[in-house]
């Protein structure tokens, strides 16, 4: 596992004070991840058709792409945090509060855990089982997702919890954050 994010790309400056730049880099890393997912899918489909010695070489390629993706995901996470920092979106674990601009809301313990999890892993998809694990039933996860969506909408926070069939739920930021 990679402990450090991948090196920044040319022109990438995490210390920017312009949210437009941060959104630009979120878009770039999201596109890179989607592109690499396509490559991984193709490699996995072709892997079974190869002879054993070719499979071994392809598996090393698979590992390289997976490591690159991990680094890209970490860069995406850094940029997502930067967007939140630039626009004053804060989570207060002690009070289980979310604050955005001049508004705030108190969350239940489960709502806070789920929102914190999604904010810490933006633009990544998680199934109901991955979110709830052994602690929550699928319908409970869906209930908490609905409640978080209502809170985000009520506070006019420009992000959404989206659901893609076969992939799961993800928190995505809109361009007007």
C-alpha atoms as a PDB file:
ATOM      1  CA  UNK A   1       0.000   0.000   0.000  1.00  0.00           C
ATOM      2  CA  UNK A   2       1.178   3.493  -0.852  1.00  0.00           C
ATOM      3  CA  UNK A   3       1.536   5.763   2.192  1.00  0.00           C
ATOM      4  CA  UNK A   4       2.155   8.961   0.221  1.00  0.00           C
ATOM      5  CA  UNK A   5      -0.029  10.309  -2.575  1.00  0.00           C
ATOM      6  CA  UNK A   6       1.443  10.197  -6.051  1.00  0.00           C
ATOM      7  CA  UNK A   7       3.589  13.117  -7.117  1.00  0.00           C
ATOM      8  CA  UNK A   8       1.697  16.175  -8.293  1.00  0.00           C
ATOM      9  CA  UNK A   9       1.232  16.608 -12.011  1.00  0.00           C
ATOM     10  CA  UNK A  10       2.825  19.549 -13.804  1.00  0.00           C
ATOM     11  CA  UNK A  11       1.031  22.770 -12.880  1.00  0.00           C
ATOM     12  CA  UNK A  12      -0.658  21.270  -9.829  1.00  0.00           C
ATOM     13  CA  UNK A  13      -0.409  23.467  -6.728  1.00  0.00           C
ATOM     14  CA  UNK A  14      -2.336  22.242  -3.695  1.00  0.00           C
ATOM     15  CA  UNK A  15      -1.819  25.557  -1.913  1.00  0.00           C
ATOM     16  CA  UNK A  16      -4.021  27.400  -4.430  1.00  0.00           C
ATOM     17  CA  UNK A  17      -6.584  29.821  -3.056  1.00  0.00           C
ATOM     18  CA  UNK A  18      -8.836  29.458  -6.122  1.00  0.00           C
ATOM     19  CA  UNK A  19     -11.625  26.902  -5.834  1.00  0.00           C
ATOM     20  CA  UNK A  20     -11.850  26.745  -9.646  1.00  0.00           C
ATOM     21  CA  UNK A  21      -8.322  25.309  -9.726  1.00  0.00           C
ATOM     22  CA  UNK A  22      -9.210  22.731  -7.088  1.00  0.00           C
ATOM     23  CA  UNK A  23     -12.288  21.641  -9.070  1.00  0.00           C
ATOM     24  CA  UNK A  24     -10.130  21.431 -12.187  1.00  0.00           C
ATOM     25  CA  UNK A  25      -7.776  18.968 -10.470  1.00  0.00           C
ATOM     26  CA  UNK A  26     -10.695  16.982  -9.070  1.00  0.00           C
ATOM     27  CA  UNK A  27     -11.955  16.612 -12.629  1.00  0.00           C
ATOM     28  CA  UNK A  28      -8.534  15.553 -13.914  1.00  0.00           C
ATOM     29  CA  UNK A  29      -8.003  12.916 -11.234  1.00  0.00           C
ATOM     30  CA  UNK A  30     -11.577  11.635 -11.601  1.00  0.00           C
ATOM     31  CA  UNK A  31     -11.002  11.227 -15.351  1.00  0.00           C
ATOM     32  CA  UNK A  32      -7.648   9.512 -14.785  1.00  0.00           C
ATOM     33  CA  UNK A  33      -9.264   7.070 -12.365  1.00  0.00           C
ATOM     34  CA  UNK A  34     -12.108   6.310 -14.779  1.00  0.00           C
ATOM     35  CA  UNK A  35      -9.608   5.736 -17.595  1.00  0.00           C
ATOM     36  CA  UNK A  36      -7.518   3.398 -15.431  1.00  0.00           C
ATOM     37  CA  UNK A  37     -10.671   1.496 -14.365  1.00  0.00           C
ATOM     38  CA  UNK A  38     -11.308   0.809 -18.035  1.00  0.00           C
ATOM     39  CA  UNK A  39      -7.758  -0.462 -18.489  1.00  0.00           C
ATOM     40  CA  UNK A  40      -8.087  -2.713 -15.428  1.00  0.00           C
ATOM     41  CA  UNK A  41     -11.382  -4.119 -16.687  1.00  0.00           C
ATOM     42  CA  UNK A  42      -9.790  -4.901 -20.058  1.00  0.00           C
ATOM     43  CA  UNK A  43      -6.737  -6.544 -18.470  1.00  0.00           C
ATOM     44  CA  UNK A  44      -8.935  -8.662 -16.203  1.00  0.00           C
ATOM     45  CA  UNK A  45     -11.104  -9.781 -19.140  1.00  0.00           C
ATOM     46  CA  UNK A  46      -8.064 -10.721 -21.199  1.00  0.00           C
ATOM     47  CA  UNK A  47      -6.142 -12.363 -18.351  1.00  0.00           C
ATOM     48  CA  UNK A  48      -7.975 -15.693 -18.509  1.00  0.00           C
ATOM     49  CA  UNK A  49      -7.312 -15.999 -22.253  1.00  0.00           C
ATOM     50  CA  UNK A  50      -3.540 -15.797 -21.854  1.00  0.00           C
ATOM     51  CA  UNK A  51      -1.003 -18.570 -21.402  1.00  0.00           C
ATOM     52  CA  UNK A  52       0.403 -18.932 -17.856  1.00  0.00           C
ATOM     53  CA  UNK A  53       3.658 -17.062 -18.528  1.00  0.00           C
ATOM     54  CA  UNK A  54       1.759 -14.201 -20.175  1.00  0.00           C
ATOM     55  CA  UNK A  55      -0.716 -14.182 -17.278  1.00  0.00           C
ATOM     56  CA  UNK A  56       2.155 -13.612 -14.868  1.00  0.00           C
ATOM     57  CA  UNK A  57       3.392 -10.616 -16.887  1.00  0.00           C
ATOM     58  CA  UNK A  58      -0.135  -9.220 -17.153  1.00  0.00           C
ATOM     59  CA  UNK A  59      -0.635  -9.597 -13.399  1.00  0.00           C
ATOM     60  CA  UNK A  60       2.415  -7.396 -12.811  1.00  0.00           C
ATOM     61  CA  UNK A  61       0.876  -4.820 -15.193  1.00  0.00           C
ATOM     62  CA  UNK A  62      -2.320  -5.080 -13.184  1.00  0.00           C
ATOM     63  CA  UNK A  63      -0.415  -4.288  -9.985  1.00  0.00           C
ATOM     64  CA  UNK A  64       1.250  -1.261 -11.607  1.00  0.00           C
ATOM     65  CA  UNK A  65      -2.108   0.148 -12.722  1.00  0.00           C
ATOM     66  CA  UNK A  66      -3.663  -0.531  -9.299  1.00  0.00           C
ATOM     67  CA  UNK A  67      -0.774   1.304  -7.583  1.00  0.00           C
ATOM     68  CA  UNK A  68      -1.160   4.245  -9.968  1.00  0.00           C
ATOM     69  CA  UNK A  69      -4.874   4.339  -9.213  1.00  0.00           C
ATOM     70  CA  UNK A  70      -4.221   4.361  -5.479  1.00  0.00           C
ATOM     71  CA  UNK A  71      -1.933   7.368  -5.910  1.00  0.00           C
ATOM     72  CA  UNK A  72      -4.498   9.144  -8.098  1.00  0.00           C
ATOM     73  CA  UNK A  73      -7.230   8.454  -5.547  1.00  0.00           C
ATOM     74  CA  UNK A  74      -5.086   9.960  -2.813  1.00  0.00           C
ATOM     75  CA  UNK A  75      -4.505  13.085  -4.954  1.00  0.00           C
ATOM     76  CA  UNK A  76      -8.254  13.284  -5.591  1.00  0.00           C
ATOM     77  CA  UNK A  77      -8.884  13.046  -1.849  1.00  0.00           C
ATOM     78  CA  UNK A  78      -6.383  15.864  -1.202  1.00  0.00           C
ATOM     79  CA  UNK A  79      -8.073  18.109  -3.762  1.00  0.00           C
ATOM     80  CA  UNK A  80     -11.521  17.316  -2.395  1.00  0.00           C
ATOM     81  CA  UNK A  81     -10.338  18.315   1.067  1.00  0.00           C
ATOM     82  CA  UNK A  82      -8.873  21.498  -0.404  1.00  0.00           C
ATOM     83  CA  UNK A  83     -12.246  22.411  -1.933  1.00  0.00           C
ATOM     84  CA  UNK A  84     -13.904  21.914   1.451  1.00  0.00           C
ATOM     85  CA  UNK A  85     -11.228  24.031   3.132  1.00  0.00           C
ATOM     86  CA  UNK A  86     -11.634  26.834   0.602  1.00  0.00           C
ATOM     87  CA  UNK A  87     -15.386  26.983   1.094  1.00  0.00           C
ATOM     88  CA  UNK A  88     -15.750  26.449   4.797  1.00  0.00           C
ATOM     89  CA  UNK A  89     -17.322  22.994   4.888  1.00  0.00           C
ATOM     90  CA  UNK A  90     -16.384  21.576   8.286  1.00  0.00           C
ATOM     91  CA  UNK A  91     -17.298  18.561  10.351  1.00  0.00           C
ATOM     92  CA  UNK A  92     -17.058  18.842  14.132  1.00  0.00           C
ATOM     93  CA  UNK A  93     -16.686  15.313  15.547  1.00  0.00           C
ATOM     94  CA  UNK A  94     -17.139  16.375  19.169  1.00  0.00           C
ATOM     95  CA  UNK A  95     -20.501  18.025  18.601  1.00  0.00           C
ATOM     96  CA  UNK A  96     -21.452  15.851  15.594  1.00  0.00           C
ATOM     97  CA  UNK A  97     -22.019  19.081  13.671  1.00  0.00           C
ATOM     98  CA  UNK A  98     -21.692  19.998  10.037  1.00  0.00           C
ATOM     99  CA  UNK A  99     -20.977  23.640   9.266  1.00  0.00           C
ATOM    100  CA  UNK A 100     -21.164  25.339   5.909  1.00  0.00           C
ATOM    101  CA  UNK A 101     -20.972  29.077   5.363  1.00  0.00           C
ATOM    102  CA  UNK A 102     -23.242  30.519   8.087  1.00  0.00           C
ATOM    103  CA  UNK A 103     -25.287  27.374   8.698  1.00  0.00           C
ATOM    104  CA  UNK A 104     -24.875  24.359  10.892  1.00  0.00           C
ATOM    105  CA  UNK A 105     -26.728  21.169  11.682  1.00  0.00           C
ATOM    106  CA  UNK A 106     -26.422  18.556  14.393  1.00  0.00           C
ATOM    107  CA  UNK A 107     -26.306  14.975  13.166  1.00  0.00           C
ATOM    108  CA  UNK A 108     -27.043  11.685  14.855  1.00  0.00           C
ATOM    109  CA  UNK A 109     -24.008   9.512  15.539  1.00  0.00           C
ATOM    110  CA  UNK A 110     -24.753   7.284  12.513  1.00  0.00           C
ATOM    111  CA  UNK A 111     -25.443  10.238  10.206  1.00  0.00           C
ATOM    112  CA  UNK A 112     -22.176  11.822  11.278  1.00  0.00           C
ATOM    113  CA  UNK A 113     -20.211   8.583  10.757  1.00  0.00           C
ATOM    114  CA  UNK A 114     -21.683   8.079   7.303  1.00  0.00           C
ATOM    115  CA  UNK A 115     -21.188  11.683   6.183  1.00  0.00           C
ATOM    116  CA  UNK A 116     -17.630  11.728   7.517  1.00  0.00           C
ATOM    117  CA  UNK A 117     -16.903   8.461   5.702  1.00  0.00           C
ATOM    118  CA  UNK A 118     -18.286   9.795   2.414  1.00  0.00           C
ATOM    119  CA  UNK A 119     -16.467  13.139   2.772  1.00  0.00           C
ATOM    120  CA  UNK A 120     -13.212  11.304   3.467  1.00  0.00           C
ATOM    121  CA  UNK A 121     -13.693   9.214   0.309  1.00  0.00           C
ATOM    122  CA  UNK A 122     -15.284  11.572  -2.217  1.00  0.00           C
ATOM    123  CA  UNK A 123     -15.934  10.409  -5.763  1.00  0.00           C
ATOM    124  CA  UNK A 124     -15.514   6.772  -4.668  1.00  0.00           C
ATOM    125  CA  UNK A 125     -18.419   4.380  -4.831  1.00  0.00           C
ATOM    126  CA  UNK A 126     -19.361   2.075  -1.977  1.00  0.00           C
ATOM    127  CA  UNK A 127     -22.023  -0.610  -1.894  1.00  0.00           C
ATOM    128  CA  UNK A 128     -24.628  -0.754   0.854  1.00  0.00           C
ATOM    129  CA  UNK A 129     -22.720  -3.702   2.337  1.00  0.00           C
ATOM    130  CA  UNK A 130     -19.410  -1.814   2.286  1.00  0.00           C
ATOM    131  CA  UNK A 131     -21.037   1.156   4.001  1.00  0.00           C
ATOM    132  CA  UNK A 132     -23.050  -0.738   6.594  1.00  0.00           C
ATOM    133  CA  UNK A 133     -20.855  -3.770   7.082  1.00  0.00           C
ATOM    134  CA  UNK A 134     -22.146  -6.045   9.799  1.00  0.00           C
ATOM    135  CA  UNK A 135     -23.489  -3.150  11.884  1.00  0.00           C
ATOM    136  CA  UNK A 136     -26.374  -1.985   9.681  1.00  0.00           C
ATOM    137  CA  UNK A 137     -29.059  -3.622   7.602  1.00  0.00           C
ATOM    138  CA  UNK A 138     -29.246  -2.447   3.956  1.00  0.00           C
ATOM    139  CA  UNK A 139     -32.496  -0.565   4.559  1.00  0.00           C
ATOM    140  CA  UNK A 140     -30.903   1.289   7.486  1.00  0.00           C
ATOM    141  CA  UNK A 141     -28.049   2.435   5.233  1.00  0.00           C
ATOM    142  CA  UNK A 142     -30.577   3.675   2.670  1.00  0.00           C
ATOM    143  CA  UNK A 143     -32.461   5.533   5.417  1.00  0.00           C
ATOM    144  CA  UNK A 144     -29.283   7.295   6.578  1.00  0.00           C
ATOM    145  CA  UNK A 145     -28.412   8.158   2.964  1.00  0.00           C
ATOM    146  CA  UNK A 146     -31.859   9.781   2.552  1.00  0.00           C
ATOM    147  CA  UNK A 147     -31.410  11.740   5.778  1.00  0.00           C
ATOM    148  CA  UNK A 148     -27.964  12.977   4.753  1.00  0.00           C
ATOM    149  CA  UNK A 149     -29.319  14.035   1.361  1.00  0.00           C
ATOM    150  CA  UNK A 150     -32.007  16.087   3.142  1.00  0.00           C
ATOM    151  CA  UNK A 151     -29.418  17.752   5.398  1.00  0.00           C
ATOM    152  CA  UNK A 152     -27.150  18.612   2.454  1.00  0.00           C
ATOM    153  CA  UNK A 153     -30.112  20.074   0.550  1.00  0.00           C
ATOM    154  CA  UNK A 154     -31.445  22.030   3.548  1.00  0.00           C
ATOM    155  CA  UNK A 155     -28.030  23.589   4.138  1.00  0.00           C
ATOM    156  CA  UNK A 156     -27.623  24.236   0.391  1.00  0.00           C
ATOM    157  CA  UNK A 157     -24.274  22.460   0.358  1.00  0.00           C
ATOM    158  CA  UNK A 158     -23.436  21.907  -3.313  1.00  0.00           C
ATOM    159  CA  UNK A 159     -22.675  18.227  -3.088  1.00  0.00           C
ATOM    160  CA  UNK A 160     -24.801  15.159  -3.586  1.00  0.00           C
ATOM    161  CA  UNK A 161     -24.880  11.560  -2.510  1.00  0.00           C
ATOM    162  CA  UNK A 162     -25.397   9.765  -5.802  1.00  0.00           C
ATOM    163  CA  UNK A 163     -26.172   6.132  -6.501  1.00  0.00           C
ATOM    164  CA  UNK A 164     -24.894   4.278  -9.553  1.00  0.00           C
ATOM    165  CA  UNK A 165     -26.400   0.829 -10.075  1.00  0.00           C
ATOM    166  CA  UNK A 166     -23.785  -1.856  -9.658  1.00  0.00           C
ATOM    167  CA  UNK A 167     -21.276   0.546  -8.058  1.00  0.00           C
ATOM    168  CA  UNK A 168     -23.041   1.981  -5.017  1.00  0.00           C
ATOM    169  CA  UNK A 169     -23.173   5.385  -3.340  1.00  0.00           C
ATOM    170  CA  UNK A 170     -20.710   8.243  -3.679  1.00  0.00           C
ATOM    171  CA  UNK A 171     -20.455  11.825  -2.504  1.00  0.00           C
ATOM    172  CA  UNK A 172     -19.802  14.188  -5.398  1.00  0.00           C
ATOM    173  CA  UNK A 173     -19.218  17.924  -5.390  1.00  0.00           C
ATOM    174  CA  UNK A 174     -20.915  20.247  -7.832  1.00  0.00           C
ATOM    175  CA  UNK A 175     -18.978  23.069  -9.448  1.00  0.00           C
ATOM    176  CA  UNK A 176     -20.602  25.806  -7.374  1.00  0.00           C
ATOM    177  CA  UNK A 177     -19.117  24.778  -4.007  1.00  0.00           C
END
